[in-house]
Amino acid sequence: MAYLKTEKGLSAKTVNKHRTHLHTLFDYMISEEEIYGIYKNPVDSIKPYPVGEFNHEIYSPYEAKELLIALRESGRCDLEVAVNLAFWCGCTGRGLRFRMA
């Protein structure tokens, strides 16, 4: 888990999701002990990383409209479609990143 956090640069939340998946995998292996020979979940000894509060900002309807207008005027139909889809799916945070160049 430390490798994922430090070397790979994954967030604490993402590393914790990996931990959860591994824990589930080993729980299954324990339920099939006669096949896998595992009787204790090794992930139990790994504590999850503390996750800080996620601070996000949401586009106002005016900002969203202005962004879509700017994309249409730029001629980047691909970005206009992607951003529009992101808005419709609820991905409306200002963390949305793209290049208009």
C-alpha atoms as a PDB file:
ATOM      1  CA  MET A   1       0.000   0.000   0.000  1.00  0.00           C
ATOM      2  CA  ALA A   2       2.882   2.350   0.774  1.00  0.00           C
ATOM      3  CA  TYR A   3       4.263   1.724  -2.724  1.00  0.00           C
ATOM      4  CA  LEU A   4       0.982   2.796  -4.289  1.00  0.00           C
ATOM      5  CA  LYS A   5       0.890   5.932  -2.159  1.00  0.00           C
ATOM      6  CA  THR A   6       4.510   7.036  -2.429  1.00  0.00           C
ATOM      7  CA  GLU A   7       5.928   5.612  -5.656  1.00  0.00           C
ATOM      8  CA  LYS A   8       2.772   5.657  -7.765  1.00  0.00           C
ATOM      9  CA  GLY A   9       1.457   8.867  -6.205  1.00  0.00           C
ATOM     10  CA  LEU A  10      -2.083   7.574  -5.679  1.00  0.00           C
ATOM     11  CA  SER A  11      -4.383   9.386  -3.286  1.00  0.00           C
ATOM     12  CA  ALA A  12      -5.204   7.917   0.108  1.00  0.00           C
ATOM     13  CA  LYS A  13      -8.775   7.262  -1.053  1.00  0.00           C
ATOM     14  CA  THR A  14      -7.582   5.307  -4.108  1.00  0.00           C
ATOM     15  CA  VAL A  15      -5.094   3.275  -2.066  1.00  0.00           C
ATOM     16  CA  ASN A  16      -7.876   2.458   0.391  1.00  0.00           C
ATOM     17  CA  LYS A  17     -10.013   1.205  -2.511  1.00  0.00           C
ATOM     18  CA  HIS A  18      -7.164  -1.106  -3.547  1.00  0.00           C
ATOM     19  CA  ARG A  19      -6.957  -2.311   0.060  1.00  0.00           C
ATOM     20  CA  THR A  20     -10.696  -3.022   0.074  1.00  0.00           C
ATOM     21  CA  HIS A  21     -10.451  -5.043  -3.140  1.00  0.00           C
ATOM     22  CA  LEU A  22      -7.553  -7.081  -1.769  1.00  0.00           C
ATOM     23  CA  HIS A  23      -9.412  -7.646   1.486  1.00  0.00           C
ATOM     24  CA  THR A  24     -12.451  -8.920  -0.429  1.00  0.00           C
ATOM     25  CA  LEU A  25     -10.253 -11.203  -2.527  1.00  0.00           C
ATOM     26  CA  PHE A  26      -8.616 -12.743   0.541  1.00  0.00           C
ATOM     27  CA  ASP A  27     -12.011 -13.101   2.268  1.00  0.00           C
ATOM     28  CA  TYR A  28     -13.138 -15.180  -0.697  1.00  0.00           C
ATOM     29  CA  MET A  29      -9.956 -17.259  -0.506  1.00  0.00           C
ATOM     30  CA  ILE A  30     -10.610 -17.889   3.191  1.00  0.00           C
ATOM     31  CA  SER A  31     -14.122 -19.098   2.362  1.00  0.00           C
ATOM     32  CA  GLU A  32     -12.480 -21.634   0.031  1.00  0.00           C
ATOM     33  CA  GLU A  33      -9.745 -22.610   2.510  1.00  0.00           C
ATOM     34  CA  GLU A  34      -9.494 -26.200   1.252  1.00  0.00           C
ATOM     35  CA  ILE A  35      -8.595 -24.892  -2.224  1.00  0.00           C
ATOM     36  CA  TYR A  36      -6.353 -21.939  -1.362  1.00  0.00           C
ATOM     37  CA  GLY A  37      -4.992 -22.929   2.048  1.00  0.00           C
ATOM     38  CA  ILE A  38      -5.518 -19.471   3.516  1.00  0.00           C
ATOM     39  CA  TYR A  39      -7.118 -19.219   6.956  1.00  0.00           C
ATOM     40  CA  LYS A  40      -6.329 -15.586   7.887  1.00  0.00           C
ATOM     41  CA  ASN A  41      -6.758 -12.409   5.886  1.00  0.00           C
ATOM     42  CA  PRO A  42      -3.331 -10.696   5.672  1.00  0.00           C
ATOM     43  CA  VAL A  43      -4.969  -7.393   4.759  1.00  0.00           C
ATOM     44  CA  ASP A  44      -6.488  -7.212   8.259  1.00  0.00           C
ATOM     45  CA  SER A  45      -3.114  -6.024   9.553  1.00  0.00           C
ATOM     46  CA  ILE A  46      -2.962  -3.126   7.062  1.00  0.00           C
ATOM     47  CA  LYS A  47      -4.645  -0.011   8.388  1.00  0.00           C
ATOM     48  CA  PRO A  48      -6.428   2.221   5.863  1.00  0.00           C
ATOM     49  CA  TYR A  49      -4.926   5.641   5.184  1.00  0.00           C
ATOM     50  CA  PRO A  50      -6.774   8.567   6.720  1.00  0.00           C
ATOM     51  CA  VAL A  51      -8.710  10.435   4.063  1.00  0.00           C
ATOM     52  CA  GLY A  52      -9.084  14.176   4.355  1.00  0.00           C
ATOM     53  CA  GLU A  53     -12.246  16.022   3.502  1.00  0.00           C
ATOM     54  CA  PHE A  54     -12.643  16.626  -0.224  1.00  0.00           C
ATOM     55  CA  ASN A  55     -13.016  20.329  -0.899  1.00  0.00           C
ATOM     56  CA  HIS A  56     -14.646  21.008  -4.240  1.00  0.00           C
ATOM     57  CA  GLU A  57     -16.274  23.870  -6.072  1.00  0.00           C
ATOM     58  CA  ILE A  58     -19.226  23.523  -8.423  1.00  0.00           C
ATOM     59  CA  TYR A  59     -19.754  25.471 -11.631  1.00  0.00           C
ATOM     60  CA  SER A  60     -22.713  27.820 -11.480  1.00  0.00           C
ATOM     61  CA  PRO A  61     -25.241  27.489 -14.325  1.00  0.00           C
ATOM     62  CA  TYR A  62     -23.888  30.748 -15.755  1.00  0.00           C
ATOM     63  CA  GLU A  63     -20.272  29.492 -15.677  1.00  0.00           C
ATOM     64  CA  ALA A  64     -21.266  26.190 -17.275  1.00  0.00           C
ATOM     65  CA  LYS A  65     -23.113  28.009 -20.057  1.00  0.00           C
ATOM     66  CA  GLU A  66     -20.154  30.341 -20.667  1.00  0.00           C
ATOM     67  CA  LEU A  67     -17.747  27.397 -20.822  1.00  0.00           C
ATOM     68  CA  LEU A  68     -19.896  25.576 -23.367  1.00  0.00           C
ATOM     69  CA  ILE A  69     -20.261  28.747 -25.463  1.00  0.00           C
ATOM     70  CA  ALA A  70     -16.486  29.273 -25.420  1.00  0.00           C
ATOM     71  CA  LEU A  71     -15.933  25.672 -26.520  1.00  0.00           C
ATOM     72  CA  ARG A  72     -18.445  26.010 -29.362  1.00  0.00           C
ATOM     73  CA  GLU A  73     -16.771  29.215 -30.535  1.00  0.00           C
ATOM     74  CA  SER A  74     -13.338  27.583 -30.364  1.00  0.00           C
ATOM     75  CA  GLY A  75     -14.392  24.969 -32.896  1.00  0.00           C
ATOM     76  CA  ARG A  76     -13.358  22.114 -30.608  1.00  0.00           C
ATOM     77  CA  CYS A  77     -16.432  19.953 -31.041  1.00  0.00           C
ATOM     78  CA  ASP A  78     -14.686  17.056 -29.302  1.00  0.00           C
ATOM     79  CA  LEU A  79     -14.195  19.075 -26.119  1.00  0.00           C
ATOM     80  CA  GLU A  80     -17.654  20.570 -26.309  1.00  0.00           C
ATOM     81  CA  VAL A  81     -19.192  17.094 -26.421  1.00  0.00           C
ATOM     82  CA  ALA A  82     -16.945  15.792 -23.613  1.00  0.00           C
ATOM     83  CA  VAL A  83     -17.648  18.738 -21.306  1.00  0.00           C
ATOM     84  CA  ASN A  84     -21.363  18.640 -22.080  1.00  0.00           C
ATOM     85  CA  LEU A  85     -21.418  14.937 -21.252  1.00  0.00           C
ATOM     86  CA  ALA A  86     -19.523  15.589 -18.024  1.00  0.00           C
ATOM     87  CA  PHE A  87     -22.079  18.226 -17.027  1.00  0.00           C
ATOM     88  CA  TRP A  88     -24.992  15.897 -17.785  1.00  0.00           C
ATOM     89  CA  CYS A  89     -23.359  13.111 -15.734  1.00  0.00           C
ATOM     90  CA  GLY A  90     -22.924  15.373 -12.730  1.00  0.00           C
ATOM     91  CA  CYS A  91     -19.167  15.908 -13.092  1.00  0.00           C
ATOM     92  CA  THR A  92     -19.553  19.632 -12.625  1.00  0.00           C
ATOM     93  CA  GLY A  93     -16.585  20.449 -10.439  1.00  0.00           C
ATOM     94  CA  ARG A  94     -14.063  23.072 -11.366  1.00  0.00           C
ATOM     95  CA  GLY A  95     -11.401  20.357 -11.268  1.00  0.00           C
ATOM     96  CA  LEU A  96     -12.435  19.427 -14.827  1.00  0.00           C
ATOM     97  CA  ARG A  97      -9.235  19.784 -16.882  1.00  0.00           C
ATOM     98  CA  PHE A  98      -8.790  20.090 -20.615  1.00  0.00           C
ATOM     99  CA  ARG A  99      -6.645  21.922 -23.159  1.00  0.00           C
ATOM    100  CA  MET A 100      -8.185  24.233 -25.722  1.00  0.00           C
ATOM    101  CA  ALA A 101      -5.000  24.512 -27.791  1.00  0.00           C
END
